[in-house]
Amino acid sequence: MKDTLITPSERSAARDALLDHYDRRARDLPWRRDTDPYRVLVSEIMLQQTRVDTVMGYYGPWLVRFPTMRALAEADEDAVLKAWEGLGYYRRARDLHLTARVVREEHGGVLPSRADALRELPGVGEYTAGAVASIAFGEAVPAVDGNVRRVLARLHDVAEPGLGWLRDTATAWVDHRRPGDWNQALMELGATICTPRAPACSQCPVGPWCRAREAGTAAERPRPGEKRCAPTGLFALAVLHREGRVLLEKRPTTGLLAGMWAFPERRVDSEVPSAAALATSDPEGTAAGLVRPVDVARSIAEAFGLTPVGSPSSLGEVRHRFTHLEARYLPISIAVTGTLVAPASMQVRWVAADDDTVPLPVAQRSILESWVAAYAHADTLVSRHA
């Protein structure tokens, strides 16, 4: 790996230039107005793999609902997941909730101030620990996210920055007088000027010291990694309903959408032809040996001791992209009767169609809304206030 050396004096001048630019041009983001450790932690967890404009809609309401570490530690998990609903990567919310409880029980309610201690908390990795330690506590440690990686690779004209090189280089660049501002300034530069495509090099405050700009290779640094296509998963989903209520189950504490409430589902053959064909009683699918979601939905109802009544209906395919999976949901609406039976290890509940207190993943919320629009008439809805 080639690294075009930047001298200590050049690095010092570039630091001053970037911090001056940050002081004058930084975006006014709500989490930058307060260095309270809890609030810094919340913002950094929310910003993991999530756009700033998305987090803007969640940060303020979260602090209203859980204003302190203690308030979060004492909250019910469903309330925490509901406040996170729509933000995605729900494990972050569960880890943040667990962190609050660990801090309460093992650290006297006070967040550790050093990066190495912060890394021991659930869901806190090297980047988050560095960001919180530097911004909230002034520790001179780096915080390397994707933006910082790109900025440093271009400054040094490095095509493939490895983890060791990034750690050493980011550490050497940290401003010991203002480590928190420095880390935020680097992130800000990568988000607004030193962008992945078409970097605005003519506007860059550290342009005079940038080796990639000098070499004309800025657009090529760092070299993009190989993109992997996420596999497709096809899921038959049962919208079991009676008297305006639908049946939801709480997902396991590990795995996809852990801890969230969702409609019962089963993964089915990934080679089936289409949602429309699957949702019908067309014997062609059966003859071909394919599993039809309508049959799966019926079997789910029967597994809960419920009896399907009337004709099942398809609600139309819903797709959702996870980091490692392209999920295709084929929801089937089935009216049922009977007494609900479920294993003691499984949490299930009937939920009124207009109940907005239950934390649902985005795709599941969309399916519920489709069901309400198609089947839940006003005179059959059972209000959660009844």
Protein backbone atom coordinates (compact mmCIF):
# COMPACT_ATOMS: atom_id res chain seq x y z
CA MET A 1 0.00 0.00 0.00
CA LYS A 2 1.43 3.30 -1.11
CA ASP A 3 1.15 6.17 1.38
CA THR A 4 2.24 9.61 0.23
CA LEU A 5 3.73 11.10 3.37
CA ILE A 6 2.30 14.25 4.90
CA THR A 7 4.78 15.94 7.23
CA PRO A 8 3.89 16.91 10.82
CA SER A 9 4.01 20.61 9.94
CA GLU A 10 1.66 20.07 6.98
CA ARG A 11 -0.66 18.03 9.18
CA SER A 12 -0.75 20.83 11.75
CA ALA A 13 -1.62 23.42 9.12
CA ALA A 14 -4.31 21.19 7.62
CA ARG A 15 -5.84 20.61 11.07
CA ASP A 16 -6.09 24.33 11.72
CA ALA A 17 -7.65 24.92 8.31
CA LEU A 18 -10.26 22.20 8.76
CA LEU A 19 -11.22 23.26 12.29
CA ASP A 20 -11.55 26.85 11.14
CA HIS A 21 -13.81 25.70 8.30
CA TYR A 22 -15.85 23.58 10.74
CA ASP A 23 -16.30 26.52 13.12
CA ARG A 24 -17.65 28.64 10.28
CA ARG A 25 -19.54 26.17 8.11
CA ALA A 26 -20.65 23.18 10.20
CA ARG A 27 -24.27 22.12 9.84
CA ASP A 28 -26.48 23.00 12.79
CA LEU A 29 -27.42 19.50 13.92
CA PRO A 30 -29.34 19.05 17.20
CA TRP A 31 -26.88 16.59 18.71
CA ARG A 32 -24.05 19.09 18.28
CA ARG A 33 -25.68 21.56 20.65
CA ASP A 34 -25.06 19.46 23.75
CA THR A 35 -22.12 17.29 24.80
CA ASP A 36 -24.08 15.43 27.48
CA PRO A 37 -22.64 11.87 27.27
CA TYR A 38 -26.03 10.15 27.08
CA ARG A 39 -27.21 12.40 24.26
CA VAL A 40 -23.96 11.94 22.36
CA LEU A 41 -24.30 8.17 22.71
CA VAL A 42 -27.91 8.21 21.47
CA SER A 43 -27.00 10.29 18.42
CA GLU A 44 -24.01 8.13 17.51
CA ILE A 45 -26.01 4.90 17.79
CA MET A 46 -28.82 6.36 15.68
CA LEU A 47 -26.37 7.59 13.03
CA GLN A 48 -24.87 4.14 12.48
CA GLN A 49 -25.70 3.19 8.87
CA THR A 50 -28.46 5.82 8.81
CA ARG A 51 -28.72 9.14 7.00
CA VAL A 52 -28.58 12.38 8.97
CA ASP A 53 -31.93 13.62 7.66
CA THR A 54 -33.59 10.39 8.83
CA VAL A 55 -32.10 10.63 12.32
CA MET A 56 -33.30 14.24 12.59
CA GLY A 57 -36.86 12.95 12.84
CA TYR A 58 -36.08 10.55 15.69
CA TYR A 59 -33.49 12.21 17.91
CA GLY A 60 -35.72 14.89 19.49
CA PRO A 61 -38.75 12.63 20.12
CA TRP A 62 -36.46 9.97 21.61
CA LEU A 63 -35.07 12.43 24.17
CA VAL A 64 -38.59 13.56 25.06
CA ARG A 65 -39.58 9.93 25.68
CA PHE A 66 -36.28 8.88 27.33
CA PRO A 67 -34.56 12.08 28.53
CA THR A 68 -31.90 10.36 30.65
CA MET A 69 -29.95 7.14 30.84
CA ARG A 70 -32.02 6.18 33.89
CA ALA A 71 -35.29 6.79 32.06
CA LEU A 72 -34.14 4.53 29.24
CA ALA A 73 -32.95 1.83 31.66
CA GLU A 74 -36.34 1.78 33.37
CA ALA A 75 -38.34 1.65 30.13
CA ASP A 76 -40.16 -1.39 28.79
CA GLU A 77 -38.53 -2.99 25.74
CA ASP A 78 -41.68 -2.58 23.62
CA ALA A 79 -41.71 1.14 24.38
CA VAL A 80 -38.06 1.41 23.32
CA LEU A 81 -38.64 -0.49 20.07
CA LYS A 82 -41.77 1.55 19.35
CA ALA A 83 -39.77 4.79 19.68
CA TRP A 84 -37.24 3.31 17.23
CA GLU A 85 -39.89 2.05 14.78
CA GLY A 86 -38.99 2.92 11.20
CA LEU A 87 -35.35 3.76 11.98
CA GLY A 88 -34.24 0.23 11.11
CA TYR A 89 -31.43 -1.97 12.38
CA TYR A 90 -33.48 -2.64 15.51
CA ARG A 91 -30.65 -4.41 17.27
CA ARG A 92 -29.21 -0.93 17.88
CA ALA A 93 -32.25 -0.02 19.97
CA ARG A 94 -32.09 -3.22 21.98
CA ASP A 95 -28.34 -2.80 22.57
CA LEU A 96 -28.81 0.84 23.59
CA HIS A 97 -31.53 -0.22 26.02
CA LEU A 98 -29.26 -2.95 27.42
CA THR A 99 -26.37 -0.48 27.67
CA ALA A 100 -28.53 1.83 29.80
CA ARG A 101 -29.24 -1.03 32.18
CA VAL A 102 -25.58 -2.10 32.31
CA VAL A 103 -24.55 1.50 33.07
CA ARG A 104 -27.16 1.70 35.81
CA GLU A 105 -26.18 -1.62 37.40
CA GLU A 106 -22.40 -1.69 36.88
CA HIS A 107 -21.34 1.95 36.58
CA GLY A 108 -23.62 3.70 39.05
CA GLY A 109 -25.63 5.28 36.24
CA VAL A 110 -22.61 7.15 34.86
CA LEU A 111 -21.40 6.42 31.33
CA PRO A 112 -17.70 5.42 31.25
CA SER A 113 -15.49 8.24 29.97
CA ARG A 114 -12.74 6.31 28.21
CA ALA A 115 -12.99 4.66 24.81
CA ASP A 116 -11.64 1.31 25.99
CA ALA A 117 -14.31 1.11 28.72
CA LEU A 118 -17.06 2.26 26.38
CA ARG A 119 -16.22 -0.58 24.01
CA GLU A 120 -17.26 -3.06 26.68
CA LEU A 121 -20.87 -1.85 26.46
CA PRO A 122 -23.43 -3.69 24.27
CA GLY A 123 -23.42 -2.52 20.66
CA VAL A 124 -20.58 -0.02 21.14
CA GLY A 125 -17.82 -0.63 18.62
CA GLU A 126 -14.52 1.10 18.00
CA TYR A 127 -16.03 4.01 16.05
CA THR A 128 -18.85 4.75 18.53
CA ALA A 129 -16.50 4.48 21.50
CA GLY A 130 -14.09 6.93 19.89
CA ALA A 131 -16.84 9.37 18.97
CA VAL A 132 -18.42 9.40 22.44
CA ALA A 133 -15.08 9.51 24.29
CA SER A 134 -13.80 12.42 22.18
CA ILE A 135 -17.00 14.47 21.88
CA ALA A 136 -18.43 14.00 25.37
CA PHE A 137 -15.23 13.57 27.40
CA GLY A 138 -12.44 15.17 25.37
CA GLU A 139 -10.31 12.03 25.06
CA ALA A 140 -7.82 12.33 22.19
CA VAL A 141 -8.89 9.24 20.27
CA PRO A 142 -10.00 8.90 16.64
CA ALA A 143 -13.47 7.97 15.40
CA VAL A 144 -13.23 6.36 11.97
CA ASP A 145 -16.46 5.98 10.03
CA GLY A 146 -16.90 5.68 6.25
CA ASN A 147 -16.53 9.42 5.76
CA VAL A 148 -13.29 9.61 7.73
CA ARG A 149 -11.89 6.58 5.92
CA ARG A 150 -12.52 8.28 2.58
CA VAL A 151 -11.03 11.63 3.66
CA LEU A 152 -7.86 10.05 5.02
CA ALA A 153 -7.44 7.81 1.98
CA ARG A 154 -7.61 10.85 -0.28
CA LEU A 155 -5.37 13.00 1.87
CA HIS A 156 -2.68 10.32 1.64
CA ASP A 157 -3.63 9.07 -1.86
CA VAL A 158 -4.12 5.50 -0.61
CA ALA A 159 -6.21 3.17 -2.76
CA GLU A 160 -6.89 0.46 -0.22
CA PRO A 161 -6.64 1.72 3.38
CA GLY A 162 -6.39 -1.25 5.73
CA LEU A 163 -7.67 -1.25 9.31
CA GLY A 164 -4.19 -0.99 10.83
CA TRP A 165 -3.23 1.89 8.56
CA LEU A 166 -6.52 3.68 9.30
CA ARG A 167 -6.06 3.32 13.06
CA ASP A 168 -2.51 4.63 13.01
CA THR A 169 -3.21 7.43 10.55
CA ALA A 170 -6.41 8.60 12.24
CA THR A 171 -4.64 8.61 15.60
CA ALA A 172 -1.81 10.73 14.20
CA TRP A 173 -4.31 13.27 12.83
CA VAL A 174 -6.33 13.76 16.06
CA ASP A 175 -6.20 17.32 17.39
CA HIS A 176 -5.40 16.96 21.09
CA ARG A 177 -6.82 20.39 21.89
CA ARG A 178 -10.23 19.72 20.35
CA PRO A 179 -10.55 15.97 19.69
CA GLY A 180 -14.35 15.93 19.59
CA ASP A 181 -14.59 18.84 17.19
CA TRP A 182 -11.80 17.34 15.09
CA ASN A 183 -13.58 14.01 14.66
CA GLN A 184 -16.83 15.77 13.79
CA ALA A 185 -15.02 18.08 11.37
CA LEU A 186 -13.57 15.10 9.49
CA MET A 187 -17.00 13.44 9.31
CA GLU A 188 -18.57 16.70 8.17
CA LEU A 189 -15.95 17.11 5.46
CA GLY A 190 -16.66 13.62 4.13
CA ALA A 191 -20.41 14.15 4.23
CA THR A 192 -20.53 17.55 2.54
CA ILE A 193 -17.42 18.12 0.38
CA CYS A 194 -15.22 15.01 0.17
CA THR A 195 -18.17 12.92 -1.00
CA PRO A 196 -17.94 9.44 -2.57
CA ARG A 197 -18.74 10.73 -6.05
CA ALA A 198 -17.79 14.08 -7.55
CA PRO A 199 -15.89 15.47 -4.54
CA ALA A 200 -15.88 19.29 -4.47
CA CYS A 201 -12.10 19.57 -4.29
CA SER A 202 -12.08 23.27 -5.17
CA GLN A 203 -14.07 23.98 -1.99
CA CYS A 204 -12.08 21.73 0.32
CA PRO A 205 -10.30 23.45 3.22
CA VAL A 206 -7.57 20.80 3.27
CA GLY A 207 -7.16 20.74 -0.51
CA PRO A 208 -3.68 22.30 -0.42
CA TRP A 209 -2.40 19.30 1.51
CA CYS A 210 -4.38 16.57 -0.28
CA ARG A 211 -2.10 14.17 -2.14
CA ALA A 212 -4.96 12.63 -4.18
CA ARG A 213 -6.06 16.06 -5.38
CA GLU A 214 -2.49 16.81 -6.38
CA ALA A 215 -2.23 13.51 -8.26
CA GLY A 216 -5.69 13.81 -9.84
CA THR A 217 -6.85 10.57 -8.21
CA ALA A 218 -9.39 11.89 -5.68
CA ALA A 219 -12.37 10.36 -7.48
CA GLU A 220 -10.61 6.97 -7.40
CA ARG A 221 -9.77 6.97 -3.69
CA PRO A 222 -10.40 4.78 -1.89
CA ARG A 223 -10.89 2.01 -4.40
CA PRO A 224 -14.47 0.70 -4.10
CA GLY A 225 -14.90 -2.77 -2.69
CA GLU A 226 -16.66 -5.56 -4.49
CA LYS A 227 -20.43 -5.23 -4.25
CA ARG A 228 -22.30 -8.33 -3.22
CA CYS A 229 -25.90 -8.93 -4.20
CA ALA A 230 -28.11 -9.78 -1.24
CA PRO A 231 -29.95 -13.11 -1.65
CA THR A 232 -33.72 -13.07 -1.93
CA GLY A 233 -35.87 -14.63 0.77
CA LEU A 234 -39.53 -15.41 0.11
CA PHE A 235 -41.85 -15.45 3.12
CA ALA A 236 -45.48 -16.49 3.41
CA LEU A 237 -47.08 -14.30 6.03
CA ALA A 238 -50.40 -14.96 7.80
CA VAL A 239 -52.64 -12.00 8.64
CA LEU A 240 -54.99 -13.90 10.95
CA HIS A 241 -57.90 -11.74 12.06
CA ARG A 242 -61.19 -11.72 13.88
CA GLU A 243 -63.46 -8.90 15.05
CA GLY A 244 -61.08 -6.19 13.85
CA ARG A 245 -58.05 -7.64 15.60
CA VAL A 246 -54.99 -9.27 14.07
CA LEU A 247 -52.67 -11.84 15.57
CA LEU A 248 -49.06 -10.81 16.17
CA GLU A 249 -46.15 -12.75 17.60
CA LYS A 250 -43.00 -11.41 19.21
CA ARG A 251 -39.90 -12.40 17.29
CA PRO A 252 -37.02 -14.18 19.07
CA THR A 253 -34.40 -12.15 20.91
CA THR A 254 -31.80 -12.98 18.27
CA GLY A 255 -31.84 -12.89 14.50
CA LEU A 256 -33.70 -10.73 12.00
CA LEU A 257 -35.93 -8.05 13.58
CA ALA A 258 -35.21 -9.45 17.03
CA GLY A 259 -37.72 -8.46 19.71
CA MET A 260 -40.15 -6.80 17.32
CA TRP A 261 -43.82 -7.76 16.95
CA ALA A 262 -44.76 -9.18 13.55
CA PHE A 263 -47.26 -11.31 11.71
CA PRO A 264 -46.50 -15.05 11.86
CA GLU A 265 -44.45 -16.07 8.85
CA ARG A 266 -42.71 -19.03 7.28
CA ARG A 267 -40.01 -19.05 4.65
CA VAL A 268 -41.16 -20.82 1.46
CA ASP A 269 -39.64 -22.11 -1.77
CA SER A 270 -37.59 -19.31 -3.36
CA GLU A 271 -38.31 -20.59 -6.87
CA VAL A 272 -42.06 -19.97 -6.89
CA PRO A 273 -43.20 -17.99 -9.94
CA SER A 274 -45.15 -15.02 -8.57
CA ALA A 275 -47.13 -13.68 -5.66
CA ALA A 276 -50.36 -13.79 -7.69
CA ALA A 277 -49.98 -17.47 -8.56
CA LEU A 278 -49.05 -18.36 -5.02
CA ALA A 279 -52.03 -16.60 -3.47
CA THR A 280 -54.60 -18.47 -5.51
CA SER A 281 -55.94 -21.99 -5.26
CA ASP A 282 -54.56 -22.76 -8.70
CA PRO A 283 -53.80 -26.52 -8.66
CA GLU A 284 -50.93 -25.94 -11.07
CA GLY A 285 -48.68 -24.82 -8.25
CA THR A 286 -49.58 -27.87 -6.20
CA ALA A 287 -48.92 -30.16 -9.13
CA ALA A 288 -45.50 -28.63 -9.55
CA GLY A 289 -44.72 -29.39 -5.93
CA LEU A 290 -44.47 -25.72 -4.96
CA VAL A 291 -45.44 -24.44 -1.56
CA ARG A 292 -48.27 -21.89 -1.80
CA PRO A 293 -48.45 -19.11 0.81
CA VAL A 294 -52.22 -19.55 1.09
CA ASP A 295 -51.65 -23.12 2.32
CA VAL A 296 -48.84 -22.00 4.61
CA ALA A 297 -51.09 -19.31 6.11
CA ARG A 298 -53.80 -21.88 6.76
CA SER A 299 -51.29 -24.20 8.45
CA ILE A 300 -50.09 -21.32 10.64
CA ALA A 301 -53.67 -20.65 11.74
CA GLU A 302 -54.20 -24.32 12.56
CA ALA A 303 -50.92 -24.45 14.50
CA PHE A 304 -52.37 -21.78 16.79
CA GLY A 305 -55.56 -23.82 17.28
CA LEU A 306 -57.54 -21.47 15.04
CA THR A 307 -59.98 -22.43 12.30
CA PRO A 308 -59.94 -20.50 8.99
CA VAL A 309 -63.33 -19.29 7.82
CA GLY A 310 -64.25 -17.84 4.46
CA SER A 311 -61.85 -17.40 1.57
CA PRO A 312 -58.23 -16.33 2.15
CA SER A 313 -57.10 -13.28 0.19
CA SER A 314 -53.73 -11.98 -0.94
CA LEU A 315 -52.74 -8.48 0.20
CA GLY A 316 -50.10 -8.15 -2.50
CA GLU A 317 -46.37 -8.61 -2.33
CA VAL A 318 -44.31 -6.32 -0.10
CA ARG A 319 -40.54 -6.07 -0.45
CA HIS A 320 -37.99 -4.88 2.07
CA ARG A 321 -34.21 -4.69 1.76
CA PHE A 322 -32.16 -5.70 4.75
CA THR A 323 -28.37 -5.46 4.85
CA HIS A 324 -27.93 -9.12 3.95
CA LEU A 325 -31.32 -10.07 2.55
CA GLU A 326 -33.90 -8.94 -0.01
CA ALA A 327 -37.14 -10.03 1.65
CA ARG A 328 -40.30 -10.68 -0.37
CA TYR A 329 -43.37 -10.94 1.85
CA LEU A 330 -46.51 -12.60 0.51
CA PRO A 331 -49.21 -11.73 3.07
CA ILE A 332 -52.42 -13.75 3.13
CA SER A 333 -55.45 -12.46 5.01
CA ILE A 334 -57.50 -15.17 6.74
CA ALA A 335 -60.49 -14.74 9.05
CA VAL A 336 -60.36 -17.24 11.92
CA THR A 337 -62.36 -18.54 14.86
CA GLY A 338 -61.47 -20.69 17.83
CA THR A 339 -59.38 -20.45 20.96
CA LEU A 340 -55.81 -19.29 20.54
CA VAL A 341 -53.22 -21.83 21.64
CA ALA A 342 -49.49 -21.03 21.66
CA PRO A 343 -46.37 -22.54 23.25
CA ALA A 344 -45.40 -21.04 26.60
CA SER A 345 -42.11 -19.86 25.06
CA MET A 346 -43.91 -17.78 22.43
CA GLN A 347 -45.44 -14.37 23.03
CA VAL A 348 -48.56 -13.78 20.93
CA ARG A 349 -51.39 -11.26 21.19
CA TRP A 350 -54.48 -10.02 19.44
CA VAL A 351 -54.01 -6.38 18.49
CA ALA A 352 -56.71 -3.93 17.46
CA ALA A 353 -56.23 -2.72 13.92
CA ASP A 354 -55.97 0.89 15.09
CA ASP A 355 -53.48 0.18 17.90
CA ASP A 356 -50.40 2.31 17.23
CA THR A 357 -48.54 1.39 20.43
CA VAL A 358 -47.08 -1.92 19.21
CA PRO A 359 -43.59 -1.75 17.63
CA LEU A 360 -43.79 -3.10 14.09
CA PRO A 361 -41.08 -3.25 11.41
CA VAL A 362 -41.64 -1.03 8.37
CA ALA A 363 -42.79 -3.83 6.04
CA GLN A 364 -45.14 -5.25 8.67
CA ARG A 365 -46.64 -1.82 9.30
CA SER A 366 -47.23 -1.48 5.56
CA ILE A 367 -48.98 -4.86 5.49
CA LEU A 368 -51.19 -3.91 8.43
CA GLU A 369 -52.18 -0.69 6.70
CA SER A 370 -53.01 -2.62 3.53
CA TRP A 371 -55.18 -5.00 5.53
CA VAL A 372 -56.98 -2.14 7.26
CA ALA A 373 -57.64 -0.45 3.92
CA ALA A 374 -58.96 -3.65 2.35
CA TYR A 375 -60.80 -5.43 5.14
CA ALA A 376 -61.15 -3.51 8.40
CA HIS A 377 -64.33 -1.46 8.05
CA ALA A 378 -65.13 1.15 10.65
CA ASP A 379 -68.02 -0.80 12.16
CA THR A 380 -65.83 -3.86 12.80
CA LEU A 381 -62.78 -2.16 14.26
CA VAL A 382 -62.25 -2.75 17.95
CA SER A 383 -60.67 0.36 19.40
CA ARG A 384 -57.73 -0.07 21.73
CA HIS A 385 -59.62 2.25 24.07
CA ALA A 386 -62.66 -0.05 24.29
